[in-house]
Amino acid sequence: MQVRQVRWRYQGHWLRRVRSTRHEAVEFFVTRILREKRACASCVEQGVATASKPVRIAPKSIFSDEVIIDLLVNKYCDAVPLYRQRAILMRDLGIDVALTTINDAVLRVGELLIRSLA
């Protein structure tokens, strides 16, 4: 990609660029989970031990735990229905998610709550 140089003129003088500032608004983030593998050099039988995966609300969901919690807060505290949250995701971020996927994530939290109460 080629960057075009723009020349600015102020009161008859050419201005030179001193520095640029970049501002980015990050809405969502990537969570990197590092699972270490360790082995004992003197223990031949035991092999390699790997750290266990962290427990997630919905293990195979495309949503992180933080996004699911945000969906729940918007639904129950702010009274924003799921179909409106889907429209907000599409409008603001360009993410097209099926309404059933969002509903499944919310229902998964309900299943976990029922199990904890039983």
N, C-alpha and C. Protein backbone atom coordinates (compact mmCIF):
# COMPACT_ATOMS: atom_id res chain seq x y z
N MET A 1 0.83 -1.17 0.00
CA MET A 1 0.00 0.00 0.00
C MET A 1 0.88 1.24 0.00
N GLN A 2 0.59 2.16 -0.87
CA GLN A 2 1.39 3.35 -1.00
C GLN A 2 0.74 4.50 -0.22
N VAL A 3 1.53 5.19 0.57
CA VAL A 3 1.03 6.30 1.36
C VAL A 3 1.30 7.60 0.59
N ARG A 4 0.27 8.38 0.41
CA ARG A 4 0.39 9.64 -0.30
C ARG A 4 0.83 10.75 0.65
N GLN A 5 1.87 11.47 0.29
CA GLN A 5 2.34 12.57 1.11
C GLN A 5 1.46 13.80 0.84
N VAL A 6 0.98 14.41 1.87
CA VAL A 6 0.13 15.59 1.76
C VAL A 6 0.94 16.78 2.26
N ARG A 7 1.00 17.84 1.45
CA ARG A 7 1.71 19.04 1.85
C ARG A 7 0.70 20.07 2.34
N TRP A 8 1.01 20.66 3.47
CA TRP A 8 0.12 21.64 4.07
C TRP A 8 0.78 23.01 4.01
N ARG A 9 -0.01 24.02 3.76
CA ARG A 9 0.50 25.38 3.68
C ARG A 9 -0.23 26.23 4.73
N TYR A 10 0.57 27.02 5.48
CA TYR A 10 -0.01 27.87 6.52
C TYR A 10 0.69 29.22 6.47
N GLN A 11 -0.06 30.27 6.26
CA GLN A 11 0.43 31.64 6.17
C GLN A 11 1.61 31.77 5.22
N GLY A 12 1.51 31.14 4.06
CA GLY A 12 2.54 31.24 3.04
C GLY A 12 3.73 30.34 3.23
N HIS A 13 3.77 29.54 4.27
CA HIS A 13 4.90 28.65 4.54
C HIS A 13 4.46 27.20 4.41
N TRP A 14 5.34 26.37 3.90
CA TRP A 14 5.07 24.93 3.83
C TRP A 14 5.36 24.33 5.19
N LEU A 15 4.45 23.54 5.66
CA LEU A 15 4.62 22.89 6.96
C LEU A 15 5.17 21.49 6.75
N ARG A 16 6.05 21.08 7.64
CA ARG A 16 6.55 19.70 7.57
C ARG A 16 5.96 18.92 8.73
N ARG A 17 5.81 17.64 8.49
CA ARG A 17 5.20 16.77 9.50
C ARG A 17 6.19 16.52 10.62
N VAL A 18 5.75 16.77 11.85
CA VAL A 18 6.58 16.52 13.02
C VAL A 18 6.34 15.10 13.52
N ARG A 19 5.08 14.74 13.66
CA ARG A 19 4.73 13.38 14.04
C ARG A 19 3.26 13.14 13.75
N SER A 20 2.88 11.90 13.74
CA SER A 20 1.49 11.51 13.52
C SER A 20 0.97 10.84 14.78
N THR A 21 -0.29 11.00 15.02
CA THR A 21 -0.91 10.28 16.12
C THR A 21 -2.03 9.44 15.55
N ARG A 22 -2.18 8.27 16.08
CA ARG A 22 -3.22 7.35 15.63
C ARG A 22 -4.13 7.05 16.79
N HIS A 23 -5.41 7.15 16.54
CA HIS A 23 -6.41 6.84 17.57
C HIS A 23 -7.27 5.71 17.05
N GLU A 24 -7.36 4.69 17.83
CA GLU A 24 -8.19 3.56 17.46
C GLU A 24 -9.13 3.24 18.60
N ALA A 25 -10.35 2.99 18.24
CA ALA A 25 -11.33 2.57 19.24
C ALA A 25 -11.50 1.07 19.10
N VAL A 26 -11.19 0.36 20.14
CA VAL A 26 -11.30 -1.10 20.11
C VAL A 26 -12.55 -1.48 20.88
N GLU A 27 -13.46 -2.13 20.21
CA GLU A 27 -14.72 -2.54 20.83
C GLU A 27 -14.58 -3.91 21.50
N PHE A 28 -14.00 -4.85 20.78
CA PHE A 28 -13.83 -6.19 21.30
C PHE A 28 -12.36 -6.53 21.28
N PHE A 29 -11.99 -7.54 21.98
CA PHE A 29 -10.58 -7.87 22.12
C PHE A 29 -10.38 -9.36 21.96
N VAL A 30 -9.14 -9.73 21.79
CA VAL A 30 -8.77 -11.14 21.65
C VAL A 30 -8.16 -11.59 22.97
N THR A 31 -8.66 -12.69 23.48
CA THR A 31 -8.10 -13.26 24.70
C THR A 31 -7.17 -14.39 24.31
N ARG A 32 -5.92 -14.26 24.65
CA ARG A 32 -4.95 -15.31 24.35
C ARG A 32 -4.73 -16.12 25.61
N ILE A 33 -4.96 -17.42 25.52
CA ILE A 33 -4.79 -18.32 26.65
C ILE A 33 -3.54 -19.15 26.39
N LEU A 34 -2.60 -19.05 27.28
CA LEU A 34 -1.35 -19.77 27.14
C LEU A 34 -1.38 -20.98 28.07
N ARG A 35 -1.34 -22.17 27.48
CA ARG A 35 -1.31 -23.40 28.26
C ARG A 35 0.08 -24.01 28.13
N GLU A 36 0.76 -24.06 29.25
CA GLU A 36 2.13 -24.57 29.22
C GLU A 36 2.14 -26.10 29.22
N LYS A 37 3.14 -26.63 28.54
CA LYS A 37 3.41 -28.07 28.59
C LYS A 37 4.75 -28.23 29.30
N ARG A 38 4.75 -29.12 30.27
CA ARG A 38 5.96 -29.35 31.04
C ARG A 38 6.25 -30.84 31.12
N ALA A 39 7.52 -31.14 31.23
CA ALA A 39 7.95 -32.54 31.33
C ALA A 39 9.11 -32.63 32.31
N CYS A 40 9.17 -33.76 32.98
CA CYS A 40 10.28 -34.04 33.89
C CYS A 40 11.33 -34.83 33.12
N ALA A 41 12.56 -34.34 33.14
CA ALA A 41 13.62 -35.00 32.39
C ALA A 41 13.98 -36.36 32.96
N SER A 42 13.77 -36.54 34.26
CA SER A 42 14.15 -37.82 34.87
C SER A 42 13.00 -38.82 34.92
N CYS A 43 11.76 -38.39 34.67
CA CYS A 43 10.60 -39.27 34.70
C CYS A 43 10.23 -39.67 33.27
N VAL A 44 10.69 -40.82 32.82
CA VAL A 44 10.45 -41.24 31.44
C VAL A 44 9.01 -41.70 31.24
N GLU A 45 8.41 -42.33 32.24
CA GLU A 45 7.07 -42.91 32.08
C GLU A 45 5.97 -41.86 32.05
N GLN A 46 6.16 -40.74 32.72
CA GLN A 46 5.07 -39.79 32.89
C GLN A 46 4.83 -38.93 31.65
N GLY A 47 5.79 -38.67 30.85
CA GLY A 47 5.59 -37.91 29.62
C GLY A 47 5.39 -36.42 29.88
N VAL A 48 4.57 -35.83 29.03
CA VAL A 48 4.35 -34.38 29.06
C VAL A 48 3.03 -34.08 29.75
N ALA A 49 3.04 -33.09 30.64
CA ALA A 49 1.83 -32.66 31.33
C ALA A 49 1.42 -31.29 30.78
N THR A 50 0.15 -31.17 30.47
CA THR A 50 -0.38 -29.91 29.93
C THR A 50 -1.37 -29.33 30.93
N ALA A 51 -1.35 -28.03 31.06
CA ALA A 51 -2.30 -27.34 31.95
C ALA A 51 -3.71 -27.51 31.39
N SER A 52 -4.67 -27.58 32.30
CA SER A 52 -6.05 -27.77 31.85
C SER A 52 -6.61 -26.48 31.26
N LYS A 53 -7.63 -26.64 30.42
CA LYS A 53 -8.28 -25.49 29.80
C LYS A 53 -9.13 -24.76 30.84
N PRO A 54 -9.23 -23.43 30.74
CA PRO A 54 -10.12 -22.72 31.66
C PRO A 54 -11.58 -23.05 31.35
N VAL A 55 -12.39 -23.04 32.38
CA VAL A 55 -13.81 -23.35 32.24
C VAL A 55 -14.50 -22.15 31.61
N ARG A 56 -15.30 -22.42 30.58
CA ARG A 56 -16.04 -21.35 29.90
C ARG A 56 -17.53 -21.55 30.10
N ILE A 57 -18.29 -20.47 29.91
CA ILE A 57 -19.74 -20.55 30.04
C ILE A 57 -20.31 -21.46 28.96
N ALA A 58 -19.93 -21.20 27.73
CA ALA A 58 -20.37 -22.01 26.59
C ALA A 58 -19.11 -22.47 25.86
N PRO A 59 -18.66 -23.70 26.10
CA PRO A 59 -17.35 -24.13 25.61
C PRO A 59 -17.14 -24.03 24.09
N LYS A 60 -18.14 -24.33 23.29
CA LYS A 60 -17.95 -24.32 21.85
C LYS A 60 -18.62 -23.13 21.17
N SER A 61 -18.90 -22.10 21.94
CA SER A 61 -19.58 -20.92 21.41
C SER A 61 -18.59 -20.00 20.72
N ILE A 62 -19.10 -19.20 19.78
CA ILE A 62 -18.25 -18.20 19.13
C ILE A 62 -18.07 -16.97 20.03
N PHE A 63 -18.88 -16.88 21.08
CA PHE A 63 -18.81 -15.74 21.99
C PHE A 63 -17.90 -16.06 23.17
N SER A 64 -17.14 -15.05 23.59
CA SER A 64 -16.35 -15.20 24.80
C SER A 64 -17.28 -15.05 26.01
N ASP A 65 -16.77 -15.37 27.18
CA ASP A 65 -17.57 -15.23 28.39
C ASP A 65 -17.97 -13.77 28.62
N GLU A 66 -17.07 -12.85 28.30
CA GLU A 66 -17.36 -11.42 28.50
C GLU A 66 -18.51 -10.96 27.61
N VAL A 67 -18.55 -11.44 26.37
CA VAL A 67 -19.62 -11.04 25.46
C VAL A 67 -20.95 -11.63 25.93
N ILE A 68 -20.94 -12.87 26.40
CA ILE A 68 -22.17 -13.48 26.91
C ILE A 68 -22.69 -12.71 28.12
N ILE A 69 -21.80 -12.31 29.00
CA ILE A 69 -22.20 -11.52 30.17
C ILE A 69 -22.76 -10.17 29.72
N ASP A 70 -22.14 -9.57 28.72
CA ASP A 70 -22.64 -8.30 28.20
C ASP A 70 -24.03 -8.46 27.59
N LEU A 71 -24.26 -9.57 26.89
CA LEU A 71 -25.60 -9.84 26.34
C LEU A 71 -26.63 -9.95 27.46
N LEU A 72 -26.27 -10.64 28.54
CA LEU A 72 -27.19 -10.81 29.65
C LEU A 72 -27.49 -9.50 30.37
N VAL A 73 -26.47 -8.68 30.58
CA VAL A 73 -26.68 -7.40 31.25
C VAL A 73 -27.57 -6.51 30.40
N ASN A 74 -27.31 -6.49 29.09
CA ASN A 74 -28.15 -5.68 28.20
C ASN A 74 -29.58 -6.19 28.18
N LYS A 75 -29.76 -7.51 28.24
CA LYS A 75 -31.11 -8.08 28.17
C LYS A 75 -31.89 -7.85 29.46
N TYR A 76 -31.31 -8.17 30.59
CA TYR A 76 -32.07 -8.17 31.83
C TYR A 76 -31.96 -6.86 32.62
N CYS A 77 -30.86 -6.15 32.54
CA CYS A 77 -30.72 -4.89 33.29
C CYS A 77 -31.16 -3.69 32.46
N ASP A 78 -30.82 -3.69 31.18
CA ASP A 78 -31.13 -2.55 30.33
C ASP A 78 -32.37 -2.76 29.46
N ALA A 79 -32.98 -3.93 29.55
CA ALA A 79 -34.21 -4.27 28.82
C ALA A 79 -34.06 -4.13 27.31
N VAL A 80 -32.92 -4.61 26.79
CA VAL A 80 -32.69 -4.60 25.34
C VAL A 80 -32.92 -6.02 24.84
N PRO A 81 -33.94 -6.25 24.01
CA PRO A 81 -34.19 -7.60 23.52
C PRO A 81 -33.04 -8.11 22.66
N LEU A 82 -32.98 -9.43 22.53
CA LEU A 82 -31.87 -10.04 21.79
C LEU A 82 -31.88 -9.64 20.31
N TYR A 83 -33.05 -9.49 19.71
CA TYR A 83 -33.07 -9.12 18.30
C TYR A 83 -32.52 -7.71 18.09
N ARG A 84 -32.69 -6.83 19.09
CA ARG A 84 -32.11 -5.49 18.98
C ARG A 84 -30.60 -5.53 19.19
N GLN A 85 -30.15 -6.40 20.09
CA GLN A 85 -28.71 -6.55 20.29
C GLN A 85 -28.05 -7.09 19.03
N ARG A 86 -28.75 -7.98 18.33
CA ARG A 86 -28.24 -8.49 17.06
C ARG A 86 -28.13 -7.37 16.04
N ALA A 87 -29.14 -6.50 16.00
CA ALA A 87 -29.11 -5.36 15.07
C ALA A 87 -27.99 -4.38 15.44
N ILE A 88 -27.72 -4.21 16.72
CA ILE A 88 -26.63 -3.33 17.16
C ILE A 88 -25.29 -3.91 16.75
N LEU A 89 -25.11 -5.22 16.92
CA LEU A 89 -23.86 -5.86 16.48
C LEU A 89 -23.65 -5.68 14.98
N MET A 90 -24.72 -5.80 14.21
CA MET A 90 -24.62 -5.64 12.76
C MET A 90 -24.33 -4.19 12.39
N ARG A 91 -25.01 -3.26 13.03
CA ARG A 91 -24.85 -1.85 12.70
C ARG A 91 -23.49 -1.30 13.11
N ASP A 92 -23.09 -1.57 14.34
CA ASP A 92 -21.87 -0.96 14.86
C ASP A 92 -20.59 -1.68 14.44
N LEU A 93 -20.65 -3.01 14.38
CA LEU A 93 -19.43 -3.77 14.13
C LEU A 93 -19.44 -4.54 12.81
N GLY A 94 -20.58 -4.61 12.17
CA GLY A 94 -20.66 -5.37 10.93
C GLY A 94 -20.62 -6.87 11.14
N ILE A 95 -20.97 -7.32 12.34
CA ILE A 95 -20.96 -8.75 12.67
C ILE A 95 -22.37 -9.28 12.50
N ASP A 96 -22.53 -10.24 11.60
CA ASP A 96 -23.84 -10.84 11.36
C ASP A 96 -23.90 -12.18 12.09
N VAL A 97 -24.63 -12.20 13.20
CA VAL A 97 -24.76 -13.40 14.02
C VAL A 97 -26.22 -13.80 14.01
N ALA A 98 -26.46 -15.10 13.87
CA ALA A 98 -27.84 -15.58 13.88
C ALA A 98 -28.45 -15.35 15.27
N LEU A 99 -29.72 -15.03 15.27
CA LEU A 99 -30.42 -14.80 16.53
C LEU A 99 -30.44 -16.05 17.39
N THR A 100 -30.50 -17.22 16.77
CA THR A 100 -30.49 -18.47 17.54
C THR A 100 -29.15 -18.68 18.25
N THR A 101 -28.06 -18.20 17.66
CA THR A 101 -26.75 -18.33 18.31
C THR A 101 -26.70 -17.48 19.57
N ILE A 102 -27.22 -16.27 19.50
CA ILE A 102 -27.27 -15.40 20.67
C ILE A 102 -28.19 -16.01 21.73
N ASN A 103 -29.33 -16.53 21.29
CA ASN A 103 -30.29 -17.14 22.21
C ASN A 103 -29.69 -18.36 22.90
N ASP A 104 -28.94 -19.19 22.16
CA ASP A 104 -28.31 -20.37 22.76
C ASP A 104 -27.32 -19.99 23.85
N ALA A 105 -26.58 -18.90 23.63
CA ALA A 105 -25.62 -18.46 24.65
C ALA A 105 -26.33 -18.02 25.92
N VAL A 106 -27.44 -17.30 25.77
CA VAL A 106 -28.20 -16.85 26.94
C VAL A 106 -28.85 -18.05 27.65
N LEU A 107 -29.37 -18.99 26.88
CA LEU A 107 -29.97 -20.18 27.49
C LEU A 107 -28.94 -21.03 28.23
N ARG A 108 -27.71 -21.04 27.74
CA ARG A 108 -26.65 -21.81 28.40
C ARG A 108 -26.41 -21.26 29.81
N VAL A 109 -26.46 -19.96 29.98
CA VAL A 109 -26.30 -19.37 31.31
C VAL A 109 -27.45 -19.81 32.21
N GLY A 110 -28.67 -19.84 31.67
CA GLY A 110 -29.81 -20.32 32.45
C GLY A 110 -29.66 -21.76 32.88
N GLU A 111 -29.12 -22.60 31.98
CA GLU A 111 -28.88 -24.01 32.34
C GLU A 111 -27.87 -24.12 33.47
N LEU A 112 -26.84 -23.32 33.43
CA LEU A 112 -25.83 -23.36 34.50
C LEU A 112 -26.40 -22.88 35.83
N LEU A 113 -27.27 -21.89 35.77
CA LEU A 113 -27.90 -21.41 36.99
C LEU A 113 -28.85 -22.43 37.59
N ILE A 114 -29.60 -23.14 36.74
CA ILE A 114 -30.51 -24.18 37.25
C ILE A 114 -29.73 -25.28 37.91
N ARG A 115 -28.59 -25.69 37.31
CA ARG A 115 -27.77 -26.74 37.90
C ARG A 115 -27.20 -26.30 39.25
N SER A 116 -26.83 -25.02 39.37
CA SER A 116 -26.25 -24.57 40.63
C SER A 116 -27.29 -24.46 41.74
N LEU A 117 -28.55 -24.25 41.37
CA LEU A 117 -29.61 -24.18 42.37
C LEU A 117 -30.11 -25.55 42.81
N ALA A 118 -29.91 -26.55 41.98
CA ALA A 118 -30.42 -27.89 42.30
C ALA A 118 -29.56 -28.59 43.31
